[in-house]
Amino acid sequence: MLASLSLLVVPTLVLAHHGLEGQFDTKKTITLTGTVLRLDWSNPHVRLYLDVKDESKTVTWELDLGSPNLQMMNGWKIDTYRHGDRVKVQANPARDGSNIAYARKITRTFGH
């Protein structure tokens, strides 16, 4: 009976946490340069919202940064990036073409 119960629980756990490849195109990398709107530290993932300007308009991007614990282990603090900071982000774009991406590398840009 225990074995049959585990067959019901394990697939549910696997489906609950999806891999990056499901939502993001990990074979593609984009570079975004813009201004930080906000940084949300909440489970399950930290999110950075970035205003990116092109020739004609400003587009807001939502960047997934992984778990809060992972960010803290990498030396991040709640105020690592603040509203108005200028940053450059290398990221994997969403597969659906939306303005969502998985951030791989973030660096400050100066001259602001």
Protein backbone atom coordinates (compact mmCIF):
# COMPACT_ATOMS: atom_id res chain seq x y z
CA MET A 1 0.00 0.00 0.00
CA LEU A 2 2.82 2.44 0.85
CA ALA A 3 4.44 1.79 -2.52
CA SER A 4 1.23 2.57 -4.40
CA LEU A 5 0.71 5.75 -2.36
CA SER A 6 4.21 6.95 -3.24
CA LEU A 7 3.42 6.47 -6.93
CA LEU A 8 0.66 9.04 -6.51
CA VAL A 9 2.73 11.57 -4.55
CA VAL A 10 6.04 11.57 -6.48
CA PRO A 11 4.60 12.59 -9.89
CA THR A 12 2.72 15.44 -8.19
CA LEU A 13 5.94 16.75 -6.64
CA VAL A 14 7.77 16.53 -9.96
CA LEU A 15 5.02 18.47 -11.74
CA ALA A 16 4.88 21.11 -9.00
CA HIS A 17 8.44 22.28 -9.66
CA HIS A 18 9.14 22.73 -13.35
CA GLY A 19 12.54 23.03 -14.99
CA LEU A 20 13.78 26.22 -16.61
CA GLU A 21 13.45 24.68 -20.07
CA GLY A 22 9.67 24.56 -19.73
CA GLN A 23 9.25 28.33 -19.55
CA PHE A 24 12.56 29.74 -20.84
CA ASP A 25 14.59 29.15 -24.00
CA THR A 26 17.90 28.16 -22.42
CA LYS A 27 19.58 27.95 -25.83
CA LYS A 28 18.99 31.68 -26.44
CA THR A 29 20.54 34.59 -24.56
CA ILE A 30 19.33 38.19 -24.73
CA THR A 31 20.93 41.31 -23.28
CA LEU A 32 18.75 43.94 -21.64
CA THR A 33 19.96 47.31 -20.38
CA GLY A 34 17.59 49.38 -18.32
CA THR A 35 16.46 50.92 -15.06
CA VAL A 36 15.39 48.90 -12.02
CA LEU A 37 11.76 49.46 -11.07
CA ARG A 38 11.73 47.09 -8.12
CA LEU A 39 13.16 43.90 -6.71
CA ASP A 40 10.63 41.52 -5.12
CA TRP A 41 12.02 39.04 -2.60
CA SER A 42 9.30 36.43 -2.32
CA ASN A 43 9.02 32.67 -2.63
CA PRO A 44 9.40 30.76 -4.77
CA HIS A 45 11.56 33.16 -6.83
CA VAL A 46 13.06 36.63 -6.53
CA ARG A 47 11.85 38.91 -9.34
CA LEU A 48 13.54 41.99 -10.78
CA TYR A 49 11.40 44.40 -12.79
CA LEU A 50 13.33 46.42 -15.34
CA ASP A 51 12.32 49.29 -17.66
CA VAL A 52 14.09 48.90 -21.00
CA LYS A 53 13.92 51.72 -23.57
CA ASP A 54 14.23 51.30 -27.31
CA GLU A 55 13.93 53.94 -30.03
CA SER A 56 10.18 54.38 -29.65
CA LYS A 57 8.94 53.11 -26.28
CA THR A 58 9.75 51.75 -22.82
CA VAL A 59 9.03 48.11 -22.10
CA THR A 60 8.90 46.58 -18.61
CA TRP A 61 10.62 43.21 -18.26
CA GLU A 62 10.08 40.72 -15.44
CA LEU A 63 13.26 38.81 -14.65
CA ASP A 64 13.23 35.59 -12.67
CA LEU A 65 16.32 35.29 -10.44
CA GLY A 66 15.75 31.96 -8.70
CA SER A 67 15.05 31.37 -5.03
CA PRO A 68 15.68 33.90 -2.26
CA ASN A 69 17.98 31.38 -0.54
CA LEU A 70 20.09 31.03 -3.69
CA GLN A 71 20.44 34.81 -3.97
CA MET A 72 21.50 35.13 -0.34
CA MET A 73 24.06 32.32 -0.78
CA ASN A 74 25.44 34.33 -3.72
CA GLY A 75 25.91 37.38 -1.48
CA TRP A 76 22.78 39.34 -2.40
CA LYS A 77 20.98 41.49 0.14
CA ILE A 78 17.49 42.93 0.02
CA ASP A 79 18.91 46.25 -1.22
CA THR A 80 21.50 44.92 -3.69
CA TYR A 81 19.59 46.64 -6.49
CA ARG A 82 17.32 49.63 -5.86
CA HIS A 83 14.77 51.61 -7.79
CA GLY A 84 16.58 53.73 -10.38
CA ASP A 85 19.75 51.63 -10.60
CA ARG A 86 20.98 51.11 -14.17
CA VAL A 87 21.80 47.49 -14.97
CA LYS A 88 22.73 45.22 -17.84
CA VAL A 89 21.22 41.72 -17.78
CA GLN A 90 22.05 38.61 -19.75
CA ALA A 91 19.02 36.34 -19.69
CA ASN A 92 17.16 33.46 -21.29
CA PRO A 93 13.89 34.73 -22.83
CA ALA A 94 10.46 33.22 -22.22
CA ARG A 95 9.41 30.67 -24.83
CA ASP A 96 6.04 32.40 -25.30
CA GLY A 97 7.58 35.70 -26.47
CA SER A 98 6.42 37.66 -23.42
CA ASN A 99 8.63 40.20 -21.64
CA ILE A 100 9.75 37.64 -19.08
CA ALA A 101 13.23 36.14 -18.85
CA TYR A 102 15.47 34.12 -16.56
CA ALA A 103 18.41 36.32 -15.51
CA ARG A 104 21.83 34.69 -15.79
CA LYS A 105 24.11 37.66 -15.12
CA ILE A 106 23.39 41.18 -13.84
CA THR A 107 25.90 44.01 -13.77
CA ARG A 108 25.56 47.66 -12.85
CA THR A 109 26.06 50.20 -15.60
CA PHE A 110 27.61 53.50 -14.60
CA GLY A 111 27.24 57.03 -15.90
CA HIS A 112 23.89 57.39 -14.13
